[in-house]
N, C-alpha and C. Protein backbone atom coordinates (compact mmCIF):
# COMPACT_ATOMS: atom_id res chain seq x y z
N MET A 1 -63.68 53.08 1.84
CA MET A 1 -64.15 53.12 3.22
C MET A 1 -65.51 53.81 3.28
N GLU A 2 -66.39 53.26 4.09
CA GLU A 2 -67.73 53.80 4.22
C GLU A 2 -67.71 55.08 5.06
N ALA A 3 -68.50 56.06 4.63
CA ALA A 3 -68.59 57.31 5.39
C ALA A 3 -69.26 57.05 6.73
N THR A 4 -68.86 57.81 7.74
CA THR A 4 -69.51 57.71 9.04
C THR A 4 -70.23 59.02 9.33
N PHE A 5 -71.31 58.92 10.05
CA PHE A 5 -72.15 60.07 10.35
C PHE A 5 -72.41 60.11 11.85
N LYS A 6 -72.91 61.25 12.32
CA LYS A 6 -73.23 61.38 13.74
C LYS A 6 -74.64 61.95 13.88
N VAL A 7 -75.19 61.84 15.07
CA VAL A 7 -76.53 62.37 15.35
C VAL A 7 -76.53 63.86 15.01
N GLY A 8 -77.57 64.27 14.29
CA GLY A 8 -77.72 65.67 13.89
C GLY A 8 -77.28 65.95 12.46
N ASP A 9 -76.52 65.02 11.85
CA ASP A 9 -76.10 65.21 10.46
C ASP A 9 -77.31 65.18 9.53
N LYS A 10 -77.31 66.04 8.51
CA LYS A 10 -78.34 66.05 7.48
C LYS A 10 -77.84 65.16 6.35
N VAL A 11 -78.68 64.20 5.94
CA VAL A 11 -78.30 63.25 4.91
C VAL A 11 -79.45 63.06 3.92
N SER A 12 -79.14 62.44 2.78
CA SER A 12 -80.17 62.07 1.82
C SER A 12 -79.93 60.64 1.38
N TRP A 13 -80.98 60.00 0.85
CA TRP A 13 -80.88 58.62 0.38
C TRP A 13 -81.98 58.38 -0.65
N ASN A 14 -81.83 57.33 -1.42
CA ASN A 14 -82.85 56.94 -2.41
C ASN A 14 -83.87 56.05 -1.75
N SER A 15 -85.14 56.29 -2.07
CA SER A 15 -86.22 55.42 -1.60
C SER A 15 -87.11 55.10 -2.79
N GLU A 16 -88.14 54.30 -2.55
CA GLU A 16 -89.08 53.98 -3.63
C GLU A 16 -89.74 55.24 -4.18
N ALA A 17 -89.86 56.26 -3.34
CA ALA A 17 -90.52 57.51 -3.73
C ALA A 17 -89.55 58.53 -4.33
N GLY A 18 -88.28 58.16 -4.47
CA GLY A 18 -87.28 59.09 -5.00
C GLY A 18 -86.30 59.50 -3.91
N ARG A 19 -85.61 60.60 -4.15
CA ARG A 19 -84.60 61.08 -3.20
C ARG A 19 -85.27 61.67 -1.97
N VAL A 20 -84.82 61.25 -0.79
CA VAL A 20 -85.39 61.70 0.48
C VAL A 20 -84.26 62.28 1.32
N SER A 21 -84.58 63.28 2.14
CA SER A 21 -83.57 63.84 3.03
C SER A 21 -84.11 63.85 4.45
N GLY A 22 -83.19 63.88 5.40
CA GLY A 22 -83.58 63.87 6.80
C GLY A 22 -82.39 64.07 7.71
N THR A 23 -82.63 63.89 9.00
CA THR A 23 -81.62 64.11 10.03
C THR A 23 -81.40 62.82 10.80
N ILE A 24 -80.14 62.47 11.02
CA ILE A 24 -79.81 61.28 11.79
C ILE A 24 -80.19 61.50 13.25
N ILE A 25 -80.99 60.56 13.78
CA ILE A 25 -81.43 60.68 15.17
C ILE A 25 -80.82 59.63 16.08
N LYS A 26 -80.23 58.57 15.49
CA LYS A 26 -79.61 57.53 16.31
C LYS A 26 -78.59 56.76 15.49
N VAL A 27 -77.48 56.39 16.13
CA VAL A 27 -76.45 55.57 15.50
C VAL A 27 -76.41 54.24 16.22
N HIS A 28 -76.54 53.14 15.46
CA HIS A 28 -76.52 51.79 16.04
C HIS A 28 -75.18 51.13 15.73
N THR A 29 -74.52 50.61 16.76
CA THR A 29 -73.25 49.91 16.58
C THR A 29 -73.37 48.43 16.98
N LYS A 30 -74.59 48.00 17.33
CA LYS A 30 -74.88 46.60 17.62
C LYS A 30 -76.15 46.23 16.89
N ASP A 31 -76.37 44.93 16.67
CA ASP A 31 -77.60 44.48 16.02
C ASP A 31 -78.81 45.04 16.78
N PHE A 32 -79.86 45.38 16.03
CA PHE A 32 -81.06 45.94 16.66
C PHE A 32 -82.30 45.52 15.89
N GLN A 33 -83.43 45.52 16.58
CA GLN A 33 -84.72 45.20 15.97
C GLN A 33 -85.36 46.48 15.48
N TYR A 34 -85.87 46.45 14.23
CA TYR A 34 -86.55 47.62 13.69
C TYR A 34 -87.60 47.15 12.70
N LYS A 35 -88.85 47.51 12.94
CA LYS A 35 -89.98 47.13 12.09
C LYS A 35 -90.04 45.62 11.87
N GLY A 36 -89.78 44.86 12.92
CA GLY A 36 -89.89 43.42 12.86
C GLY A 36 -88.70 42.68 12.28
N TYR A 37 -87.64 43.39 11.95
CA TYR A 37 -86.46 42.77 11.36
C TYR A 37 -85.23 43.05 12.22
N THR A 38 -84.28 42.13 12.18
CA THR A 38 -83.00 42.36 12.84
C THR A 38 -82.08 43.03 11.85
N HIS A 39 -81.60 44.21 12.21
CA HIS A 39 -80.63 44.93 11.39
C HIS A 39 -79.26 44.72 12.00
N HIS A 40 -78.30 44.36 11.18
CA HIS A 40 -76.96 44.05 11.66
C HIS A 40 -76.08 45.30 11.59
N ALA A 41 -75.45 45.60 12.71
CA ALA A 41 -74.58 46.77 12.79
C ALA A 41 -73.41 46.45 13.71
N THR A 42 -72.27 47.05 13.41
CA THR A 42 -71.08 46.94 14.26
C THR A 42 -70.47 48.33 14.38
N ALA A 43 -69.47 48.47 15.23
CA ALA A 43 -68.78 49.76 15.36
C ALA A 43 -68.11 50.13 14.04
N GLU A 44 -67.65 49.12 13.29
CA GLU A 44 -66.99 49.38 12.00
C GLU A 44 -67.99 49.62 10.88
N ALA A 45 -69.20 49.11 11.01
CA ALA A 45 -70.24 49.27 10.00
C ALA A 45 -71.57 49.59 10.68
N PRO A 46 -71.70 50.82 11.21
CA PRO A 46 -72.92 51.18 11.93
C PRO A 46 -74.11 51.33 10.99
N GLN A 47 -75.30 51.30 11.57
CA GLN A 47 -76.52 51.65 10.85
C GLN A 47 -77.11 52.88 11.53
N TYR A 48 -77.89 53.62 10.76
CA TYR A 48 -78.38 54.91 11.22
C TYR A 48 -79.90 54.97 11.13
N GLU A 49 -80.51 55.58 12.16
CA GLU A 49 -81.94 55.89 12.11
C GLU A 49 -82.04 57.35 11.69
N ILE A 50 -82.85 57.59 10.65
CA ILE A 50 -82.97 58.94 10.10
C ILE A 50 -84.44 59.33 10.09
N LYS A 51 -84.73 60.55 10.53
CA LYS A 51 -86.09 61.07 10.49
C LYS A 51 -86.22 61.95 9.26
N SER A 52 -87.20 61.64 8.42
CA SER A 52 -87.42 62.40 7.19
C SER A 52 -87.73 63.85 7.51
N SER A 53 -87.21 64.76 6.69
CA SER A 53 -87.47 66.18 6.92
C SER A 53 -88.86 66.60 6.44
N LYS A 54 -89.51 65.77 5.60
CA LYS A 54 -90.84 66.13 5.09
C LYS A 54 -91.96 65.45 5.86
N THR A 55 -91.68 64.27 6.41
CA THR A 55 -92.70 63.54 7.18
C THR A 55 -92.08 63.13 8.50
N ASP A 56 -92.82 62.46 9.33
CA ASP A 56 -92.27 61.95 10.59
C ASP A 56 -91.75 60.53 10.44
N HIS A 57 -91.63 60.06 9.19
CA HIS A 57 -91.17 58.70 8.93
C HIS A 57 -89.73 58.52 9.41
N ILE A 58 -89.47 57.37 10.04
CA ILE A 58 -88.13 57.00 10.48
C ILE A 58 -87.65 55.86 9.61
N ALA A 59 -86.43 55.98 9.10
CA ALA A 59 -85.84 54.93 8.27
C ALA A 59 -84.53 54.48 8.90
N ALA A 60 -84.13 53.25 8.62
CA ALA A 60 -82.84 52.72 9.08
C ALA A 60 -82.02 52.35 7.85
N HIS A 61 -80.78 52.86 7.79
CA HIS A 61 -79.92 52.61 6.63
C HIS A 61 -78.47 52.43 7.03
N LYS A 62 -77.74 51.72 6.18
CA LYS A 62 -76.28 51.65 6.31
C LYS A 62 -75.69 52.97 5.80
N GLY A 63 -74.49 53.26 6.24
CA GLY A 63 -73.82 54.48 5.81
C GLY A 63 -73.60 54.54 4.31
N SER A 64 -73.43 53.38 3.67
CA SER A 64 -73.18 53.36 2.22
C SER A 64 -74.38 53.85 1.42
N ALA A 65 -75.59 53.85 2.02
CA ALA A 65 -76.79 54.31 1.32
C ALA A 65 -77.02 55.81 1.50
N LEU A 66 -76.22 56.45 2.35
CA LEU A 66 -76.45 57.85 2.71
C LEU A 66 -75.43 58.78 2.07
N THR A 67 -75.89 60.02 1.81
CA THR A 67 -75.03 61.09 1.31
C THR A 67 -75.22 62.29 2.22
N LYS A 68 -74.14 62.85 2.73
CA LYS A 68 -74.25 64.02 3.60
C LYS A 68 -74.60 65.25 2.78
N ILE A 69 -75.53 66.07 3.31
CA ILE A 69 -75.93 67.30 2.62
C ILE A 69 -75.69 68.51 3.48
């Protein structure tokens, strides 16, 4: 079962630049547009918007890509 997270959780994930950490700022439970792409999300498989703790970059990821810290 995929882990679920909530707004305010601190998480980390792998990116092209290596391991990145940040804070969840939004939980999506329906399909949404982000950076020109449709990201698919449901209540059972949400996607998360995370703000990097080192930069102001916002990323969108599935819960399976995230690790709680």
